[in-house]
Amino acid sequence: MRVNYELNFRDFALFQAIHHFLSVPFQIFYLGWAIFISLSAMVGESSSAKVLTAFYVYLVIWAVALPIQVVFLALGKYRALLTGHAVEILDNGICDETGFSKSSHFWAGINRVVRRWGFIAIYIHDQNAFIIPNRAFDTADQRRQFFFELKQRFANAR
């Protein structure tokens, strides 16, 4: 099974934002800062006021972090990533081909396969994944079928 698509900046930024949000270390770091700031700034206030302040600080941290992340992504050079891709499911793994490279990964070397809002990601390690945007598929059923095939082959290799 093979899918062809053009990966663009929006796809990459969406993947990075969701990956960042679902990262346990980032959540611990942001929550830790939010709690620290609320406890430091709210000496003598009620517990509910401290919790509410921590929640607002947490939201502000995210509101600042995401635009900064997008700016850093926009300043980067991702010519070999933001291009046409052909991802193919093979018996022994997956293959991603662009005008710049061709890489194959055996199922045993794949970390995980996830379906998120807007894309399917095939993680080859914790911080790097092949991103397949939803628009790469003609129908939602085709996307489900592709994802099911990925998950099934990945699970069978474990």
N, C-alpha and C. Protein backbone atom coordinates (compact mmCIF):
# COMPACT_ATOMS: atom_id res chain seq x y z
N MET A 1 0.85 -1.17 0.00
CA MET A 1 0.00 0.00 0.00
C MET A 1 0.91 1.24 0.00
N ARG A 2 0.58 2.20 -0.86
CA ARG A 2 1.43 3.37 -1.05
C ARG A 2 0.57 4.64 -1.04
N VAL A 3 1.11 5.71 -0.45
CA VAL A 3 0.43 6.99 -0.45
C VAL A 3 1.42 8.08 -0.86
N ASN A 4 0.97 8.97 -1.75
CA ASN A 4 1.80 10.08 -2.22
C ASN A 4 1.19 11.39 -1.73
N TYR A 5 2.04 12.30 -1.28
CA TYR A 5 1.55 13.58 -0.77
C TYR A 5 2.68 14.60 -0.73
N GLU A 6 2.29 15.84 -0.56
CA GLU A 6 3.22 16.95 -0.40
C GLU A 6 3.12 17.39 1.06
N LEU A 7 4.21 17.31 1.79
CA LEU A 7 4.22 17.77 3.18
C LEU A 7 4.52 19.27 3.18
N ASN A 8 3.65 20.05 3.84
CA ASN A 8 3.86 21.50 3.86
C ASN A 8 4.13 21.99 5.29
N PHE A 9 4.39 23.28 5.40
CA PHE A 9 4.74 23.86 6.71
C PHE A 9 3.60 23.69 7.71
N ARG A 10 2.37 23.85 7.28
CA ARG A 10 1.23 23.72 8.18
C ARG A 10 1.18 22.31 8.78
N ASP A 11 1.40 21.29 7.94
CA ASP A 11 1.42 19.90 8.42
C ASP A 11 2.50 19.71 9.48
N PHE A 12 3.68 20.24 9.19
CA PHE A 12 4.82 20.10 10.09
C PHE A 12 4.57 20.83 11.41
N ALA A 13 4.03 22.05 11.33
CA ALA A 13 3.75 22.83 12.54
C ALA A 13 2.67 22.16 13.39
N LEU A 14 1.63 21.61 12.74
CA LEU A 14 0.57 20.91 13.48
C LEU A 14 1.14 19.69 14.19
N PHE A 15 1.96 18.91 13.49
CA PHE A 15 2.59 17.74 14.10
C PHE A 15 3.42 18.16 15.31
N GLN A 16 4.26 19.19 15.15
CA GLN A 16 5.12 19.64 16.24
C GLN A 16 4.31 20.12 17.44
N ALA A 17 3.23 20.86 17.20
CA ALA A 17 2.40 21.37 18.29
C ALA A 17 1.74 20.23 19.06
N ILE A 18 1.16 19.27 18.35
CA ILE A 18 0.50 18.15 19.01
C ILE A 18 1.53 17.27 19.72
N HIS A 19 2.65 17.02 19.07
CA HIS A 19 3.72 16.23 19.69
C HIS A 19 4.19 16.91 20.97
N HIS A 20 4.39 18.21 20.91
CA HIS A 20 4.83 19.01 22.05
C HIS A 20 3.80 18.93 23.18
N PHE A 21 2.52 19.08 22.84
CA PHE A 21 1.46 19.07 23.84
C PHE A 21 1.34 17.70 24.51
N LEU A 22 1.54 16.63 23.77
CA LEU A 22 1.41 15.28 24.33
C LEU A 22 2.69 14.77 24.99
N SER A 23 3.72 15.57 24.99
CA SER A 23 5.00 15.18 25.60
C SER A 23 4.92 15.29 27.12
N VAL A 24 5.11 14.18 27.81
CA VAL A 24 5.06 14.17 29.28
C VAL A 24 6.13 15.09 29.88
N PRO A 25 7.38 15.07 29.41
CA PRO A 25 8.37 15.99 30.00
C PRO A 25 7.98 17.47 29.86
N PHE A 26 7.42 17.86 28.71
CA PHE A 26 6.98 19.25 28.56
C PHE A 26 5.82 19.56 29.49
N GLN A 27 4.89 18.64 29.62
CA GLN A 27 3.76 18.86 30.52
C GLN A 27 4.24 19.03 31.96
N ILE A 28 5.16 18.18 32.39
CA ILE A 28 5.70 18.29 33.75
C ILE A 28 6.42 19.62 33.93
N PHE A 29 7.22 20.00 32.94
CA PHE A 29 7.96 21.26 33.01
C PHE A 29 7.00 22.46 33.09
N TYR A 30 6.01 22.51 32.20
CA TYR A 30 5.07 23.63 32.19
C TYR A 30 4.20 23.66 33.44
N LEU A 31 3.72 22.50 33.85
CA LEU A 31 2.92 22.46 35.08
C LEU A 31 3.75 22.84 36.30
N GLY A 32 5.00 22.37 36.33
CA GLY A 32 5.89 22.73 37.44
C GLY A 32 6.09 24.23 37.54
N TRP A 33 6.33 24.88 36.40
CA TRP A 33 6.49 26.33 36.39
C TRP A 33 5.21 27.03 36.80
N ALA A 34 4.08 26.55 36.32
CA ALA A 34 2.80 27.17 36.66
C ALA A 34 2.53 27.07 38.16
N ILE A 35 2.79 25.91 38.74
CA ILE A 35 2.58 25.72 40.18
C ILE A 35 3.56 26.58 40.97
N PHE A 36 4.83 26.58 40.57
CA PHE A 36 5.84 27.39 41.25
C PHE A 36 5.47 28.87 41.23
N ILE A 37 5.08 29.36 40.08
CA ILE A 37 4.73 30.79 39.96
C ILE A 37 3.50 31.11 40.80
N SER A 38 2.49 30.26 40.76
CA SER A 38 1.27 30.56 41.52
C SER A 38 1.53 30.48 43.02
N LEU A 39 2.34 29.53 43.46
CA LEU A 39 2.64 29.44 44.89
C LEU A 39 3.50 30.61 45.36
N SER A 40 4.42 31.04 44.51
CA SER A 40 5.30 32.16 44.86
C SER A 40 4.54 33.49 44.88
N ALA A 41 3.66 33.67 43.93
CA ALA A 41 2.96 34.95 43.78
C ALA A 41 1.72 35.06 44.66
N MET A 42 1.22 33.94 45.13
CA MET A 42 -0.06 33.95 45.84
C MET A 42 0.09 33.60 47.32
N VAL A 43 1.15 34.04 47.95
CA VAL A 43 1.38 33.76 49.37
C VAL A 43 0.22 34.33 50.18
N GLY A 44 -0.36 33.50 51.02
CA GLY A 44 -1.46 33.93 51.87
C GLY A 44 -2.83 33.83 51.22
N GLU A 45 -2.90 33.48 49.95
CA GLU A 45 -4.19 33.34 49.26
C GLU A 45 -4.76 31.95 49.50
N SER A 46 -6.03 31.77 49.17
CA SER A 46 -6.69 30.47 49.34
C SER A 46 -6.14 29.46 48.35
N SER A 47 -6.34 28.21 48.67
CA SER A 47 -5.87 27.13 47.78
C SER A 47 -6.56 27.20 46.43
N SER A 48 -7.85 27.51 46.42
CA SER A 48 -8.56 27.58 45.15
C SER A 48 -8.02 28.72 44.28
N ALA A 49 -7.64 29.83 44.88
CA ALA A 49 -7.06 30.94 44.12
C ALA A 49 -5.71 30.53 43.54
N LYS A 50 -4.93 29.76 44.30
CA LYS A 50 -3.62 29.29 43.82
C LYS A 50 -3.80 28.33 42.65
N VAL A 51 -4.78 27.42 42.76
CA VAL A 51 -5.03 26.46 41.69
C VAL A 51 -5.50 27.19 40.42
N LEU A 52 -6.40 28.14 40.58
CA LEU A 52 -6.89 28.90 39.43
C LEU A 52 -5.76 29.70 38.79
N THR A 53 -4.91 30.30 39.61
CA THR A 53 -3.77 31.05 39.08
C THR A 53 -2.81 30.12 38.35
N ALA A 54 -2.54 28.95 38.91
CA ALA A 54 -1.66 27.98 38.26
C ALA A 54 -2.23 27.57 36.91
N PHE A 55 -3.55 27.38 36.84
CA PHE A 55 -4.19 27.03 35.58
C PHE A 55 -4.00 28.14 34.55
N TYR A 56 -4.22 29.39 34.96
CA TYR A 56 -4.04 30.51 34.03
C TYR A 56 -2.59 30.67 33.59
N VAL A 57 -1.67 30.49 34.51
CA VAL A 57 -0.25 30.57 34.17
C VAL A 57 0.11 29.47 33.18
N TYR A 58 -0.41 28.28 33.39
CA TYR A 58 -0.19 27.16 32.48
C TYR A 58 -0.68 27.51 31.07
N LEU A 59 -1.88 28.08 30.98
CA LEU A 59 -2.42 28.49 29.68
C LEU A 59 -1.56 29.57 29.03
N VAL A 60 -1.08 30.52 29.82
CA VAL A 60 -0.22 31.58 29.29
C VAL A 60 1.09 31.00 28.77
N ILE A 61 1.65 30.05 29.51
CA ILE A 61 2.90 29.41 29.05
C ILE A 61 2.68 28.78 27.68
N TRP A 62 1.57 28.05 27.51
CA TRP A 62 1.28 27.45 26.21
C TRP A 62 1.03 28.50 25.15
N ALA A 63 0.33 29.57 25.52
CA ALA A 63 0.03 30.65 24.56
C ALA A 63 1.30 31.34 24.07
N VAL A 64 2.33 31.33 24.90
CA VAL A 64 3.62 31.92 24.51
C VAL A 64 4.49 30.89 23.79
N ALA A 65 4.49 29.66 24.28
CA ALA A 65 5.38 28.63 23.74
C ALA A 65 5.03 28.24 22.30
N LEU A 66 3.75 28.10 22.00
CA LEU A 66 3.37 27.65 20.66
C LEU A 66 3.75 28.65 19.56
N PRO A 67 3.46 29.94 19.72
CA PRO A 67 3.91 30.88 18.67
C PRO A 67 5.44 30.93 18.54
N ILE A 68 6.15 30.82 19.65
CA ILE A 68 7.62 30.80 19.59
C ILE A 68 8.07 29.57 18.80
N GLN A 69 7.44 28.44 19.05
CA GLN A 69 7.79 27.22 18.34
C GLN A 69 7.54 27.39 16.84
N VAL A 70 6.43 27.99 16.46
CA VAL A 70 6.11 28.21 15.04
C VAL A 70 7.15 29.13 14.41
N VAL A 71 7.58 30.16 15.13
CA VAL A 71 8.60 31.07 14.60
C VAL A 71 9.90 30.31 14.37
N PHE A 72 10.32 29.50 15.34
CA PHE A 72 11.55 28.72 15.17
C PHE A 72 11.44 27.75 13.99
N LEU A 73 10.26 27.13 13.83
CA LEU A 73 10.07 26.24 12.70
C LEU A 73 10.14 27.02 11.38
N ALA A 74 9.54 28.22 11.38
CA ALA A 74 9.54 29.03 10.16
C ALA A 74 10.95 29.49 9.79
N LEU A 75 11.81 29.66 10.79
CA LEU A 75 13.18 30.10 10.52
C LEU A 75 14.09 28.96 10.08
N GLY A 76 13.64 27.73 10.31
CA GLY A 76 14.46 26.57 9.96
C GLY A 76 14.44 26.29 8.47
N LYS A 77 15.38 25.48 8.06
CA LYS A 77 15.46 25.07 6.66
C LYS A 77 15.07 23.59 6.59
N TYR A 78 13.92 23.32 6.04
CA TYR A 78 13.38 21.97 6.00
C TYR A 78 13.09 21.55 4.56
N ARG A 79 13.95 21.95 3.65
CA ARG A 79 13.74 21.68 2.22
C ARG A 79 13.56 20.19 1.94
N ALA A 80 14.33 19.34 2.59
CA ALA A 80 14.25 17.90 2.34
C ALA A 80 13.05 17.26 3.03
N LEU A 81 12.42 17.98 3.96
CA LEU A 81 11.24 17.47 4.66
C LEU A 81 9.96 17.99 4.02
N LEU A 82 9.92 19.29 3.74
CA LEU A 82 8.73 19.93 3.19
C LEU A 82 8.75 19.80 1.66
N THR A 83 8.43 18.62 1.21
CA THR A 83 8.50 18.28 -0.21
C THR A 83 7.54 17.13 -0.48
N GLY A 84 7.53 16.63 -1.69
CA GLY A 84 6.71 15.49 -2.02
C GLY A 84 7.25 14.21 -1.39
N HIS A 85 6.35 13.39 -0.87
CA HIS A 85 6.71 12.12 -0.24
C HIS A 85 5.90 11.00 -0.85
N ALA A 86 6.48 9.82 -0.87
CA ALA A 86 5.78 8.59 -1.20
C ALA A 86 6.10 7.60 -0.10
N VAL A 87 5.12 7.29 0.72
CA VAL A 87 5.31 6.33 1.81
C VAL A 87 4.63 5.03 1.41
N GLU A 88 5.40 3.97 1.51
CA GLU A 88 4.88 2.66 1.10
C GLU A 88 5.01 1.67 2.24
N ILE A 89 3.95 0.92 2.47
CA ILE A 89 3.97 -0.16 3.46
C ILE A 89 4.49 -1.40 2.76
N LEU A 90 5.58 -1.94 3.30
CA LEU A 90 6.19 -3.15 2.73
C LEU A 90 6.02 -4.30 3.71
N ASP A 91 6.30 -5.51 3.28
CA ASP A 91 6.20 -6.66 4.17
C ASP A 91 7.14 -6.54 5.36
N ASN A 92 8.34 -6.01 5.12
CA ASN A 92 9.35 -5.97 6.18
C ASN A 92 9.48 -4.60 6.85
N GLY A 93 8.69 -3.60 6.43
CA GLY A 93 8.76 -2.27 7.04
C GLY A 93 8.08 -1.22 6.20
N ILE A 94 8.59 -0.01 6.29
CA ILE A 94 8.05 1.08 5.49
C ILE A 94 9.18 1.74 4.72
N CYS A 95 8.81 2.42 3.65
CA CYS A 95 9.77 3.14 2.83
C CYS A 95 9.22 4.54 2.58
N ASP A 96 10.04 5.54 2.80
CA ASP A 96 9.67 6.93 2.50
C ASP A 96 10.63 7.44 1.45
N GLU A 97 10.07 7.92 0.34
CA GLU A 97 10.89 8.40 -0.76
C GLU A 97 10.50 9.83 -1.10
N THR A 98 11.53 10.68 -1.25
CA THR A 98 11.34 12.06 -1.67
C THR A 98 12.31 12.33 -2.83
N GLY A 99 12.30 13.54 -3.31
CA GLY A 99 13.27 13.92 -4.34
C GLY A 99 14.67 14.05 -3.78
N PHE A 100 14.81 13.99 -2.46
CA PHE A 100 16.10 14.16 -1.79
C PHE A 100 16.63 12.88 -1.16
N SER A 101 15.75 11.94 -0.85
CA SER A 101 16.21 10.74 -0.15
C SER A 101 15.23 9.59 -0.32
N LYS A 102 15.71 8.44 0.06
CA LYS A 102 14.88 7.24 0.13
C LYS A 102 15.32 6.50 1.37
N SER A 103 14.39 6.30 2.30
CA SER A 103 14.76 5.61 3.53
C SER A 103 13.78 4.49 3.82
N SER A 104 14.32 3.40 4.28
CA SER A 104 13.52 2.24 4.66
C SER A 104 13.75 1.95 6.13
N HIS A 105 12.69 1.55 6.79
CA HIS A 105 12.77 1.21 8.21
C HIS A 105 12.03 -0.10 8.44
N PHE A 106 12.73 -1.05 9.04
CA PHE A 106 12.11 -2.32 9.36
C PHE A 106 11.11 -2.12 10.48
N TRP A 107 10.09 -2.97 10.55
CA TRP A 107 9.06 -2.85 11.57
C TRP A 107 9.66 -2.85 12.97
N ALA A 108 10.67 -3.66 13.19
CA ALA A 108 11.29 -3.73 14.52
C ALA A 108 11.94 -2.41 14.92
N GLY A 109 12.31 -1.58 13.94
CA GLY A 109 12.95 -0.30 14.23
C GLY A 109 11.98 0.85 14.36
N ILE A 110 10.71 0.58 14.20
CA ILE A 110 9.71 1.64 14.34
C ILE A 110 9.24 1.68 15.78
N ASN A 111 9.20 2.89 16.32
CA ASN A 111 8.86 3.09 17.72
C ASN A 111 7.37 2.95 17.99
N ARG A 112 6.55 3.62 17.18
CA ARG A 112 5.09 3.56 17.34
C ARG A 112 4.43 4.17 16.11
N VAL A 113 3.16 3.86 15.98
CA VAL A 113 2.33 4.38 14.90
C VAL A 113 1.10 4.99 15.55
N VAL A 114 0.83 6.28 15.26
CA VAL A 114 -0.30 6.95 15.90
C VAL A 114 -1.14 7.69 14.86
N ARG A 115 -2.40 7.85 15.20
CA ARG A 115 -3.33 8.63 14.39
C ARG A 115 -3.78 9.80 15.25
N ARG A 116 -3.57 10.99 14.76
CA ARG A 116 -3.93 12.21 15.48
C ARG A 116 -4.84 13.05 14.60
N TRP A 117 -5.36 14.11 15.20
CA TRP A 117 -6.18 15.04 14.44
C TRP A 117 -5.29 15.67 13.37
N GLY A 118 -5.59 15.40 12.12
CA GLY A 118 -4.87 16.02 11.02
C GLY A 118 -3.81 15.17 10.36
N PHE A 119 -3.38 14.06 10.97
CA PHE A 119 -2.29 13.29 10.38
C PHE A 119 -2.15 11.91 11.00
N ILE A 120 -1.37 11.09 10.32
CA ILE A 120 -0.88 9.81 10.85
C ILE A 120 0.63 10.01 11.02
N ALA A 121 1.18 9.54 12.13
CA ALA A 121 2.61 9.65 12.35
C ALA A 121 3.21 8.27 12.59
N ILE A 122 4.31 8.01 11.90
CA ILE A 122 5.06 6.77 12.08
C ILE A 122 6.38 7.17 12.72
N TYR A 123 6.48 6.95 14.02
CA TYR A 123 7.67 7.37 14.77
C TYR A 123 8.81 6.38 14.57
N ILE A 124 9.94 6.90 14.12
CA ILE A 124 11.12 6.06 13.99
C ILE A 124 12.01 6.20 15.22
N HIS A 125 11.79 7.20 16.01
CA HIS A 125 12.29 7.31 17.39
C HIS A 125 11.45 8.36 18.09
N ASP A 126 11.70 8.64 19.35
CA ASP A 126 10.81 9.49 20.14
C ASP A 126 10.57 10.88 19.57
N GLN A 127 11.54 11.44 18.88
CA GLN A 127 11.42 12.81 18.41
C GLN A 127 11.27 12.96 16.90
N ASN A 128 11.22 11.88 16.16
CA ASN A 128 11.18 11.97 14.70
C ASN A 128 10.16 10.99 14.15
N ALA A 129 9.36 11.50 13.21
CA ALA A 129 8.32 10.65 12.63
C ALA A 129 8.09 11.02 11.17
N PHE A 130 7.57 10.05 10.44
CA PHE A 130 7.05 10.34 9.11
C PHE A 130 5.64 10.86 9.34
N ILE A 131 5.35 12.02 8.79
CA ILE A 131 4.06 12.68 8.98
C ILE A 131 3.27 12.52 7.69
N ILE A 132 2.10 11.90 7.80
CA ILE A 132 1.25 11.71 6.62
C ILE A 132 -0.04 12.48 6.89
N PRO A 133 -0.22 13.63 6.23
CA PRO A 133 -1.42 14.44 6.48
C PRO A 133 -2.68 13.75 5.97
N ASN A 134 -3.80 14.07 6.60
CA ASN A 134 -5.08 13.47 6.20
C ASN A 134 -5.39 13.70 4.73
N ARG A 135 -5.00 14.86 4.20
CA ARG A 135 -5.32 15.18 2.81
C ARG A 135 -4.58 14.30 1.81
N ALA A 136 -3.65 13.46 2.30
CA ALA A 136 -2.96 12.52 1.42
C ALA A 136 -3.89 11.41 0.95
N PHE A 137 -5.01 11.27 1.63
CA PHE A 137 -5.97 10.20 1.32
C PHE A 137 -7.21 10.79 0.66
N ASP A 138 -7.75 10.06 -0.28
CA ASP A 138 -8.95 10.53 -0.98
C ASP A 138 -10.19 10.48 -0.10
N THR A 139 -10.24 9.47 0.79
CA THR A 139 -11.41 9.31 1.67
C THR A 139 -10.95 8.97 3.08
N ALA A 140 -11.86 9.16 4.03
CA ALA A 140 -11.58 8.79 5.42
C ALA A 140 -11.42 7.27 5.53
N ASP A 141 -12.15 6.53 4.73
CA ASP A 141 -12.03 5.07 4.73
C ASP A 141 -10.64 4.63 4.27
N GLN A 142 -10.12 5.31 3.24
CA GLN A 142 -8.77 5.00 2.76
C GLN A 142 -7.74 5.27 3.85
N ARG A 143 -7.93 6.36 4.59
CA ARG A 143 -7.03 6.70 5.71
C ARG A 143 -7.10 5.62 6.79
N ARG A 144 -8.32 5.21 7.16
CA ARG A 144 -8.50 4.16 8.17
C ARG A 144 -7.84 2.86 7.73
N GLN A 145 -8.01 2.52 6.48
CA GLN A 145 -7.44 1.29 5.94
C GLN A 145 -5.91 1.33 5.99
N PHE A 146 -5.34 2.46 5.59
CA PHE A 146 -3.89 2.62 5.63
C PHE A 146 -3.38 2.51 7.06
N PHE A 147 -4.06 3.19 8.00
CA PHE A 147 -3.65 3.15 9.40
C PHE A 147 -3.78 1.74 9.98
N PHE A 148 -4.88 1.06 9.66
CA PHE A 148 -5.09 -0.31 10.13
C PHE A 148 -3.97 -1.22 9.64
N GLU A 149 -3.61 -1.08 8.38
CA GLU A 149 -2.52 -1.89 7.81
C GLU A 149 -1.20 -1.62 8.54
N LEU A 150 -0.92 -0.33 8.79
CA LEU A 150 0.30 0.04 9.54
C LEU A 150 0.29 -0.60 10.92
N LYS A 151 -0.80 -0.42 11.65
CA LYS A 151 -0.89 -0.93 13.03
C LYS A 151 -0.78 -2.44 13.07
N GLN A 152 -1.42 -3.10 12.12
CA GLN A 152 -1.41 -4.56 12.09
C GLN A 152 0.00 -5.10 11.84
N ARG A 153 0.67 -4.54 10.86
CA ARG A 153 2.04 -5.00 10.55
C ARG A 153 3.00 -4.64 11.68
N PHE A 154 2.84 -3.47 12.25
CA PHE A 154 3.67 -3.05 13.38
C PHE A 154 3.48 -4.00 14.56
N ALA A 155 2.23 -4.33 14.89
CA ALA A 155 1.93 -5.22 16.01
C ALA A 155 2.46 -6.63 15.75
N ASN A 156 2.35 -7.11 14.52
CA ASN A 156 2.82 -8.46 14.19
C ASN A 156 4.34 -8.58 14.29
N ALA A 157 5.04 -7.46 14.13
CA ALA A 157 6.51 -7.49 14.21
C ALA A 157 7.00 -7.46 15.65
N ARG A 158 6.14 -7.16 16.58
CA ARG A 158 6.54 -7.04 17.98
C ARG A 158 6.70 -8.37 18.61
